[in-house]
Amino acid sequence: MSFTLRTAADVYKFALPLYDYLSQNGHAKEADALVKVVDSCYPQSAQALDAHRRAFNQIRETVPDLPAQYLIALNEALEILSK
């Protein structure tokens, strides 16, 4: 499976398969943190993007065994979120 991320909407869509991977592979803490970000209601999209960026950074730092396709997509998401 590969992910194509080009827009912020793609980043939001990527959060679900990333959550599924984390929750099914022993990373409950990171999955819970991600679901809190996704389920939160932010009054501005900039706040939602910033929350996703922080959650993705945490996942990148704390989950060393992400499969390559998830790691590539995570890095692409972070690049999109940094713009």
PDB file of N, CA and C in Angstrom:
ATOM      1  N   MET A   1       0.834  -1.166   0.000  1.00  0.00           N
ATOM      2  CA  MET A   1       0.000   0.000   0.000  1.00  0.00           C
ATOM      3  C   MET A   1       0.884   1.236   0.000  1.00  0.00           C
ATOM      4  N   SER A   2       0.562   2.166  -0.865  1.00  0.00           N
ATOM      5  CA  SER A   2       1.278   3.436  -0.837  1.00  0.00           C
ATOM      6  C   SER A   2       0.255   4.558  -0.713  1.00  0.00           C
ATOM      7  N   PHE A   3       0.710   5.675  -0.237  1.00  0.00           N
ATOM      8  CA  PHE A   3      -0.152   6.819  -0.007  1.00  0.00           C
ATOM      9  C   PHE A   3       0.329   7.971  -0.873  1.00  0.00           C
ATOM     10  N   THR A   4      -0.621   8.713  -1.422  1.00  0.00           N
ATOM     11  CA  THR A   4      -0.282   9.893  -2.189  1.00  0.00           C
ATOM     12  C   THR A   4      -0.786  11.105  -1.423  1.00  0.00           C
ATOM     13  N   LEU A   5       0.137  11.917  -0.983  1.00  0.00           N
ATOM     14  CA  LEU A   5      -0.225  13.102  -0.216  1.00  0.00           C
ATOM     15  C   LEU A   5       0.257  14.338  -0.957  1.00  0.00           C
ATOM     16  N   ARG A   6      -0.701  15.175  -1.324  1.00  0.00           N
ATOM     17  CA  ARG A   6      -0.354  16.412  -2.030  1.00  0.00           C
ATOM     18  C   ARG A   6      -0.980  17.643  -1.377  1.00  0.00           C
ATOM     19  N   THR A   7      -2.060  17.435  -0.627  1.00  0.00           N
ATOM     20  CA  THR A   7      -2.793  18.559  -0.050  1.00  0.00           C
ATOM     21  C   THR A   7      -3.069  18.303   1.430  1.00  0.00           C
ATOM     22  N   ALA A   8      -3.544  19.328   2.104  1.00  0.00           N
ATOM     23  CA  ALA A   8      -3.928  19.162   3.508  1.00  0.00           C
ATOM     24  C   ALA A   8      -5.059  18.141   3.637  1.00  0.00           C
ATOM     25  N   ALA A   9      -5.955  18.100   2.681  1.00  0.00           N
ATOM     26  CA  ALA A   9      -7.036  17.106   2.713  1.00  0.00           C
ATOM     27  C   ALA A   9      -6.465  15.694   2.678  1.00  0.00           C
ATOM     28  N   ASP A  10      -5.414  15.476   1.904  1.00  0.00           N
ATOM     29  CA  ASP A  10      -4.749  14.171   1.858  1.00  0.00           C
ATOM     30  C   ASP A  10      -4.136  13.827   3.211  1.00  0.00           C
ATOM     31  N   VAL A  11      -3.600  14.842   3.881  1.00  0.00           N
ATOM     32  CA  VAL A  11      -3.006  14.637   5.206  1.00  0.00           C
ATOM     33  C   VAL A  11      -4.079  14.161   6.181  1.00  0.00           C
ATOM     34  N   TYR A  12      -5.241  14.819   6.141  1.00  0.00           N
ATOM     35  CA  TYR A  12      -6.340  14.413   7.015  1.00  0.00           C
ATOM     36  C   TYR A  12      -6.759  12.964   6.730  1.00  0.00           C
ATOM     37  N   LYS A  13      -6.830  12.607   5.454  1.00  0.00           N
ATOM     38  CA  LYS A  13      -7.225  11.245   5.072  1.00  0.00           C
ATOM     39  C   LYS A  13      -6.184  10.219   5.515  1.00  0.00           C
ATOM     40  N   PHE A  14      -4.928  10.587   5.495  1.00  0.00           N
ATOM     41  CA  PHE A  14      -3.852   9.678   5.894  1.00  0.00           C
ATOM     42  C   PHE A  14      -3.915   9.347   7.391  1.00  0.00           C
ATOM     43  N   ALA A  15      -4.479  10.237   8.177  1.00  0.00           N
ATOM     44  CA  ALA A  15      -4.548  10.019   9.627  1.00  0.00           C
ATOM     45  C   ALA A  15      -5.279   8.725   9.973  1.00  0.00           C
ATOM     46  N   LEU A  16      -6.318   8.362   9.226  1.00  0.00           N
ATOM     47  CA  LEU A  16      -7.079   7.146   9.541  1.00  0.00           C
ATOM     48  C   LEU A  16      -6.272   5.865   9.331  1.00  0.00           C
ATOM     49  N   PRO A  17      -5.658   5.649   8.165  1.00  0.00           N
ATOM     50  CA  PRO A  17      -4.847   4.432   8.036  1.00  0.00           C
ATOM     51  C   PRO A  17      -3.652   4.409   8.984  1.00  0.00           C
ATOM     52  N   LEU A  18      -3.104   5.584   9.284  1.00  0.00           N
ATOM     53  CA  LEU A  18      -2.006   5.644  10.241  1.00  0.00           C
ATOM     54  C   LEU A  18      -2.509   5.229  11.623  1.00  0.00           C
ATOM     55  N   TYR A  19      -3.657   5.727  12.017  1.00  0.00           N
ATOM     56  CA  TYR A  19      -4.263   5.322  13.286  1.00  0.00           C
ATOM     57  C   TYR A  19      -4.478   3.808  13.311  1.00  0.00           C
ATOM     58  N   ASP A  20      -5.052   3.264  12.244  1.00  0.00           N
ATOM     59  CA  ASP A  20      -5.296   1.820  12.177  1.00  0.00           C
ATOM     60  C   ASP A  20      -4.004   1.032  12.352  1.00  0.00           C
ATOM     61  N   TYR A  21      -2.953   1.455  11.655  1.00  0.00           N
ATOM     62  CA  TYR A  21      -1.670   0.761  11.783  1.00  0.00           C
ATOM     63  C   TYR A  21      -1.176   0.812  13.222  1.00  0.00           C
ATOM     64  N   LEU A  22      -1.179   1.992  13.799  1.00  0.00           N
ATOM     65  CA  LEU A  22      -0.664   2.149  15.164  1.00  0.00           C
ATOM     66  C   LEU A  22      -1.458   1.309  16.158  1.00  0.00           C
ATOM     67  N   SER A  23      -2.771   1.350  16.061  1.00  0.00           N
ATOM     68  CA  SER A  23      -3.596   0.630  17.032  1.00  0.00           C
ATOM     69  C   SER A  23      -3.487  -0.884  16.864  1.00  0.00           C
ATOM     70  N   GLN A  24      -3.213  -1.355  15.673  1.00  0.00           N
ATOM     71  CA  GLN A  24      -3.123  -2.792  15.419  1.00  0.00           C
ATOM     72  C   GLN A  24      -1.713  -3.350  15.620  1.00  0.00           C
ATOM     73  N   ASN A  25      -0.749  -2.466  15.878  1.00  0.00           N
ATOM     74  CA  ASN A  25       0.637  -2.927  15.971  1.00  0.00           C
ATOM     75  C   ASN A  25       1.331  -2.496  17.257  1.00  0.00           C
ATOM     76  N   GLY A  26       0.558  -2.408  18.320  1.00  0.00           N
ATOM     77  CA  GLY A  26       1.146  -2.191  19.635  1.00  0.00           C
ATOM     78  C   GLY A  26       1.558  -0.779  19.979  1.00  0.00           C
ATOM     79  N   HIS A  27       0.997   0.192  19.296  1.00  0.00           N
ATOM     80  CA  HIS A  27       1.335   1.589  19.576  1.00  0.00           C
ATOM     81  C   HIS A  27       0.082   2.331  20.030  1.00  0.00           C
ATOM     82  N   ALA A  28      -0.540   1.813  21.072  1.00  0.00           N
ATOM     83  CA  ALA A  28      -1.812   2.361  21.555  1.00  0.00           C
ATOM     84  C   ALA A  28      -1.688   3.810  22.013  1.00  0.00           C
ATOM     85  N   LYS A  29      -0.600   4.140  22.666  1.00  0.00           N
ATOM     86  CA  LYS A  29      -0.419   5.512  23.156  1.00  0.00           C
ATOM     87  C   LYS A  29      -0.423   6.510  22.002  1.00  0.00           C
ATOM     88  N   GLU A  30       0.320   6.213  20.965  1.00  0.00           N
ATOM     89  CA  GLU A  30       0.397   7.101  19.811  1.00  0.00           C
ATOM     90  C   GLU A  30      -0.940   7.135  19.062  1.00  0.00           C
ATOM     91  N   ALA A  31      -1.601   5.982  18.961  1.00  0.00           N
ATOM     92  CA  ALA A  31      -2.908   5.923  18.308  1.00  0.00           C
ATOM     93  C   ALA A  31      -3.925   6.772  19.065  1.00  0.00           C
ATOM     94  N   ASP A  32      -3.913   6.679  20.394  1.00  0.00           N
ATOM     95  CA  ASP A  32      -4.827   7.487  21.198  1.00  0.00           C
ATOM     96  C   ASP A  32      -4.559   8.975  21.029  1.00  0.00           C
ATOM     97  N   ALA A  33      -3.297   9.358  20.995  1.00  0.00           N
ATOM     98  CA  ALA A  33      -2.955  10.768  20.795  1.00  0.00           C
ATOM     99  C   ALA A  33      -3.446  11.251  19.434  1.00  0.00           C
ATOM    100  N   LEU A  34      -3.307  10.409  18.429  1.00  0.00           N
ATOM    101  CA  LEU A  34      -3.740  10.783  17.085  1.00  0.00           C
ATOM    102  C   LEU A  34      -5.260  10.902  17.014  1.00  0.00           C
ATOM    103  N   VAL A  35      -5.963   9.986  17.638  1.00  0.00           N
ATOM    104  CA  VAL A  35      -7.429  10.042  17.586  1.00  0.00           C
ATOM    105  C   VAL A  35      -7.947  11.279  18.313  1.00  0.00           C
ATOM    106  N   LYS A  36      -7.280  11.713  19.354  1.00  0.00           N
ATOM    107  CA  LYS A  36      -7.690  12.941  20.047  1.00  0.00           C
ATOM    108  C   LYS A  36      -7.541  14.151  19.127  1.00  0.00           C
ATOM    109  N   VAL A  37      -6.499  14.164  18.329  1.00  0.00           N
ATOM    110  CA  VAL A  37      -6.303  15.260  17.374  1.00  0.00           C
ATOM    111  C   VAL A  37      -7.390  15.223  16.308  1.00  0.00           C
ATOM    112  N   VAL A  38      -7.648  14.052  15.769  1.00  0.00           N
ATOM    113  CA  VAL A  38      -8.613  13.915  14.684  1.00  0.00           C
ATOM    114  C   VAL A  38     -10.027  14.232  15.170  1.00  0.00           C
ATOM    115  N   ASP A  39     -10.363  13.824  16.383  1.00  0.00           N
ATOM    116  CA  ASP A  39     -11.710  14.033  16.907  1.00  0.00           C
ATOM    117  C   ASP A  39     -11.952  15.435  17.448  1.00  0.00           C
ATOM    118  N   SER A  40     -10.906  16.203  17.620  1.00  0.00           N
ATOM    119  CA  SER A  40     -11.064  17.554  18.158  1.00  0.00           C
ATOM    120  C   SER A  40     -11.660  18.484  17.109  1.00  0.00           C
ATOM    121  N   CYS A  41     -12.415  19.432  17.595  1.00  0.00           N
ATOM    122  CA  CYS A  41     -13.000  20.442  16.716  1.00  0.00           C
ATOM    123  C   CYS A  41     -12.216  21.741  16.907  1.00  0.00           C
ATOM    124  N   TYR A  42     -11.583  22.170  15.851  1.00  0.00           N
ATOM    125  CA  TYR A  42     -10.789  23.386  15.915  1.00  0.00           C
ATOM    126  C   TYR A  42     -11.535  24.502  15.194  1.00  0.00           C
ATOM    127  N   PRO A  43     -11.567  25.686  15.787  1.00  0.00           N
ATOM    128  CA  PRO A  43     -12.290  26.785  15.151  1.00  0.00           C
ATOM    129  C   PRO A  43     -11.636  27.274  13.860  1.00  0.00           C
ATOM    130  N   GLN A  44     -10.368  26.989  13.682  1.00  0.00           N
ATOM    131  CA  GLN A  44      -9.671  27.401  12.463  1.00  0.00           C
ATOM    132  C   GLN A  44      -8.874  26.224  11.915  1.00  0.00           C
ATOM    133  N   SER A  45      -8.813  26.128  10.602  1.00  0.00           N
ATOM    134  CA  SER A  45      -8.085  25.011   9.994  1.00  0.00           C
ATOM    135  C   SER A  45      -6.603  25.058  10.330  1.00  0.00           C
ATOM    136  N   ALA A  46      -6.057  26.242  10.545  1.00  0.00           N
ATOM    137  CA  ALA A  46      -4.638  26.350  10.901  1.00  0.00           C
ATOM    138  C   ALA A  46      -4.354  25.627  12.208  1.00  0.00           C
ATOM    139  N   GLN A  47      -5.282  25.692  13.143  1.00  0.00           N
ATOM    140  CA  GLN A  47      -5.098  24.990  14.416  1.00  0.00           C
ATOM    141  C   GLN A  47      -5.150  23.478  14.209  1.00  0.00           C
ATOM    142  N   ALA A  48      -6.036  23.014  13.355  1.00  0.00           N
ATOM    143  CA  ALA A  48      -6.135  21.579  13.065  1.00  0.00           C
ATOM    144  C   ALA A  48      -4.857  21.088  12.394  1.00  0.00           C
ATOM    145  N   LEU A  49      -4.348  21.863  11.459  1.00  0.00           N
ATOM    146  CA  LEU A  49      -3.109  21.475  10.779  1.00  0.00           C
ATOM    147  C   LEU A  49      -1.948  21.438  11.749  1.00  0.00           C
ATOM    148  N   ASP A  50      -1.879  22.405  12.647  1.00  0.00           N
ATOM    149  CA  ASP A  50      -0.810  22.431  13.639  1.00  0.00           C
ATOM    150  C   ASP A  50      -0.913  21.229  14.575  1.00  0.00           C
ATOM    151  N   ALA A  51      -2.111  20.873  14.963  1.00  0.00           N
ATOM    152  CA  ALA A  51      -2.299  19.709  15.840  1.00  0.00           C
ATOM    153  C   ALA A  51      -1.879  18.418  15.132  1.00  0.00           C
ATOM    154  N   HIS A  52      -2.223  18.294  13.862  1.00  0.00           N
ATOM    155  CA  HIS A  52      -1.784  17.121  13.098  1.00  0.00           C
ATOM    156  C   HIS A  52      -0.263  17.093  12.990  1.00  0.00           C
ATOM    157  N   ARG A  53       0.335  18.254  12.745  1.00  0.00           N
ATOM    158  CA  ARG A  53       1.795  18.320  12.635  1.00  0.00           C
ATOM    159  C   ARG A  53       2.451  17.842  13.925  1.00  0.00           C
ATOM    160  N   ARG A  54       1.949  18.309  15.059  1.00  0.00           N
ATOM    161  CA  ARG A  54       2.521  17.905  16.350  1.00  0.00           C
ATOM    162  C   ARG A  54       2.337  16.408  16.583  1.00  0.00           C
ATOM    163  N   ALA A  55       1.163  15.880  16.268  1.00  0.00           N
ATOM    164  CA  ALA A  55       0.912  14.450  16.452  1.00  0.00           C
ATOM    165  C   ALA A  55       1.808  13.624  15.532  1.00  0.00           C
ATOM    166  N   PHE A  56       1.945  14.037  14.282  1.00  0.00           N
ATOM    167  CA  PHE A  56       2.791  13.299  13.340  1.00  0.00           C
ATOM    168  C   PHE A  56       4.257  13.350  13.759  1.00  0.00           C
ATOM    169  N   ASN A  57       4.698  14.492  14.251  1.00  0.00           N
ATOM    170  CA  ASN A  57       6.082  14.584  14.752  1.00  0.00           C
ATOM    171  C   ASN A  57       6.293  13.630  15.919  1.00  0.00           C
ATOM    172  N   GLN A  58       5.336  13.571  16.826  1.00  0.00           N
ATOM    173  CA  GLN A  58       5.442  12.664  17.967  1.00  0.00           C
ATOM    174  C   GLN A  58       5.521  11.215  17.496  1.00  0.00           C
ATOM    175  N   ILE A  59       4.707  10.872  16.525  1.00  0.00           N
ATOM    176  CA  ILE A  59       4.711   9.505  16.005  1.00  0.00           C
ATOM    177  C   ILE A  59       6.057   9.198  15.354  1.00  0.00           C
ATOM    178  N   ARG A  60       6.562  10.129  14.563  1.00  0.00           N
ATOM    179  CA  ARG A  60       7.856   9.908  13.900  1.00  0.00           C
ATOM    180  C   ARG A  60       8.968   9.703  14.922  1.00  0.00           C
ATOM    181  N   GLU A  61       8.899  10.425  16.038  1.00  0.00           N
ATOM    182  CA  GLU A  61       9.935  10.336  17.067  1.00  0.00           C
ATOM    183  C   GLU A  61       9.803   9.100  17.956  1.00  0.00           C
ATOM    184  N   THR A  62       8.601   8.590  18.137  1.00  0.00           N
ATOM    185  CA  THR A  62       8.392   7.518  19.122  1.00  0.00           C
ATOM    186  C   THR A  62       8.089   6.152  18.527  1.00  0.00           C
ATOM    187  N   VAL A  63       7.882   6.074  17.220  1.00  0.00           N
ATOM    188  CA  VAL A  63       7.578   4.786  16.599  1.00  0.00           C
ATOM    189  C   VAL A  63       8.687   4.464  15.601  1.00  0.00           C
ATOM    190  N   PRO A  64       9.720   3.775  16.058  1.00  0.00           N
ATOM    191  CA  PRO A  64      10.875   3.533  15.183  1.00  0.00           C
ATOM    192  C   PRO A  64      10.642   2.455  14.125  1.00  0.00           C
ATOM    193  N   ASP A  65       9.581   1.665  14.287  1.00  0.00           N
ATOM    194  CA  ASP A  65       9.390   0.529  13.384  1.00  0.00           C
ATOM    195  C   ASP A  65       8.263   0.727  12.371  1.00  0.00           C
ATOM    196  N   LEU A  66       7.991   1.975  12.000  1.00  0.00           N
ATOM    197  CA  LEU A  66       6.979   2.218  10.975  1.00  0.00           C
ATOM    198  C   LEU A  66       7.433   1.603   9.655  1.00  0.00           C
ATOM    199  N   PRO A  67       6.539   0.922   8.962  1.00  0.00           N
ATOM    200  CA  PRO A  67       6.895   0.418   7.631  1.00  0.00           C
ATOM    201  C   PRO A  67       7.250   1.584   6.703  1.00  0.00           C
ATOM    202  N   ALA A  68       8.043   1.301   5.718  1.00  0.00           N
ATOM    203  CA  ALA A  68       8.560   2.343   4.824  1.00  0.00           C
ATOM    204  C   ALA A  68       7.460   3.189   4.208  1.00  0.00           C
ATOM    205  N   GLN A  69       6.369   2.573   3.750  1.00  0.00           N
ATOM    206  CA  GLN A  69       5.320   3.353   3.093  1.00  0.00           C
ATOM    207  C   GLN A  69       4.646   4.323   4.059  1.00  0.00           C
ATOM    208  N   TYR A  70       4.530   3.949   5.317  1.00  0.00           N
ATOM    209  CA  TYR A  70       3.970   4.857   6.314  1.00  0.00           C
ATOM    210  C   TYR A  70       4.962   5.972   6.654  1.00  0.00           C
ATOM    211  N   LEU A  71       6.211   5.624   6.756  1.00  0.00           N
ATOM    212  CA  LEU A  71       7.234   6.627   7.067  1.00  0.00           C
ATOM    213  C   LEU A  71       7.359   7.653   5.945  1.00  0.00           C
ATOM    214  N   ILE A  72       7.339   7.196   4.719  1.00  0.00           N
ATOM    215  CA  ILE A  72       7.400   8.106   3.574  1.00  0.00           C
ATOM    216  C   ILE A  72       6.190   9.040   3.588  1.00  0.00           C
ATOM    217  N   ALA A  73       5.003   8.481   3.786  1.00  0.00           N
ATOM    218  CA  ALA A  73       3.795   9.300   3.819  1.00  0.00           C
ATOM    219  C   ALA A  73       3.806  10.257   5.001  1.00  0.00           C
ATOM    220  N   LEU A  74       4.299   9.807   6.132  1.00  0.00           N
ATOM    221  CA  LEU A  74       4.380  10.665   7.309  1.00  0.00           C
ATOM    222  C   LEU A  74       5.304  11.843   7.037  1.00  0.00           C
ATOM    223  N   ASN A  75       6.434  11.592   6.425  1.00  0.00           N
ATOM    224  CA  ASN A  75       7.357  12.675   6.070  1.00  0.00           C
ATOM    225  C   ASN A  75       6.740  13.627   5.040  1.00  0.00           C
ATOM    226  N   GLU A  76       6.001  13.072   4.071  1.00  0.00           N
ATOM    227  CA  GLU A  76       5.319  13.922   3.089  1.00  0.00           C
ATOM    228  C   GLU A  76       4.254  14.782   3.781  1.00  0.00           C
ATOM    229  N   ALA A  77       3.527  14.180   4.711  1.00  0.00           N
ATOM    230  CA  ALA A  77       2.507  14.936   5.459  1.00  0.00           C
ATOM    231  C   ALA A  77       3.143  16.080   6.234  1.00  0.00           C
ATOM    232  N   LEU A  78       4.245  15.792   6.893  1.00  0.00           N
ATOM    233  CA  LEU A  78       4.931  16.836   7.650  1.00  0.00           C
ATOM    234  C   LEU A  78       5.453  17.948   6.741  1.00  0.00           C
ATOM    235  N   GLU A  79       5.883  17.578   5.546  1.00  0.00           N
ATOM    236  CA  GLU A  79       6.343  18.600   4.600  1.00  0.00           C
ATOM    237  C   GLU A  79       5.171  19.487   4.180  1.00  0.00           C
ATOM    238  N   ILE A  80       4.036  18.891   3.906  1.00  0.00           N
ATOM    239  CA  ILE A  80       2.841  19.658   3.541  1.00  0.00           C
ATOM    240  C   ILE A  80       2.422  20.571   4.689  1.00  0.00           C
ATOM    241  N   LEU A  81       2.479  20.046   5.908  1.00  0.00           N
ATOM    242  CA  LEU A  81       2.040  20.807   7.072  1.00  0.00           C
ATOM    243  C   LEU A  81       3.005  21.922   7.438  1.00  0.00           C
ATOM    244  N   SER A  82       4.230  21.864   6.938  1.00  0.00           N
ATOM    245  CA  SER A  82       5.204  22.891   7.274  1.00  0.00           C
ATOM    246  C   SER A  82       5.119  24.112   6.357  1.00  0.00           C
ATOM    247  N   LYS A  83       4.290  24.028   5.337  1.00  0.00           N
ATOM    248  CA  LYS A  83       4.180  25.132   4.372  1.00  0.00           C
ATOM    249  C   LYS A  83       3.259  26.208   4.891  1.00  0.00           C
TER     250      LYS A  83
END
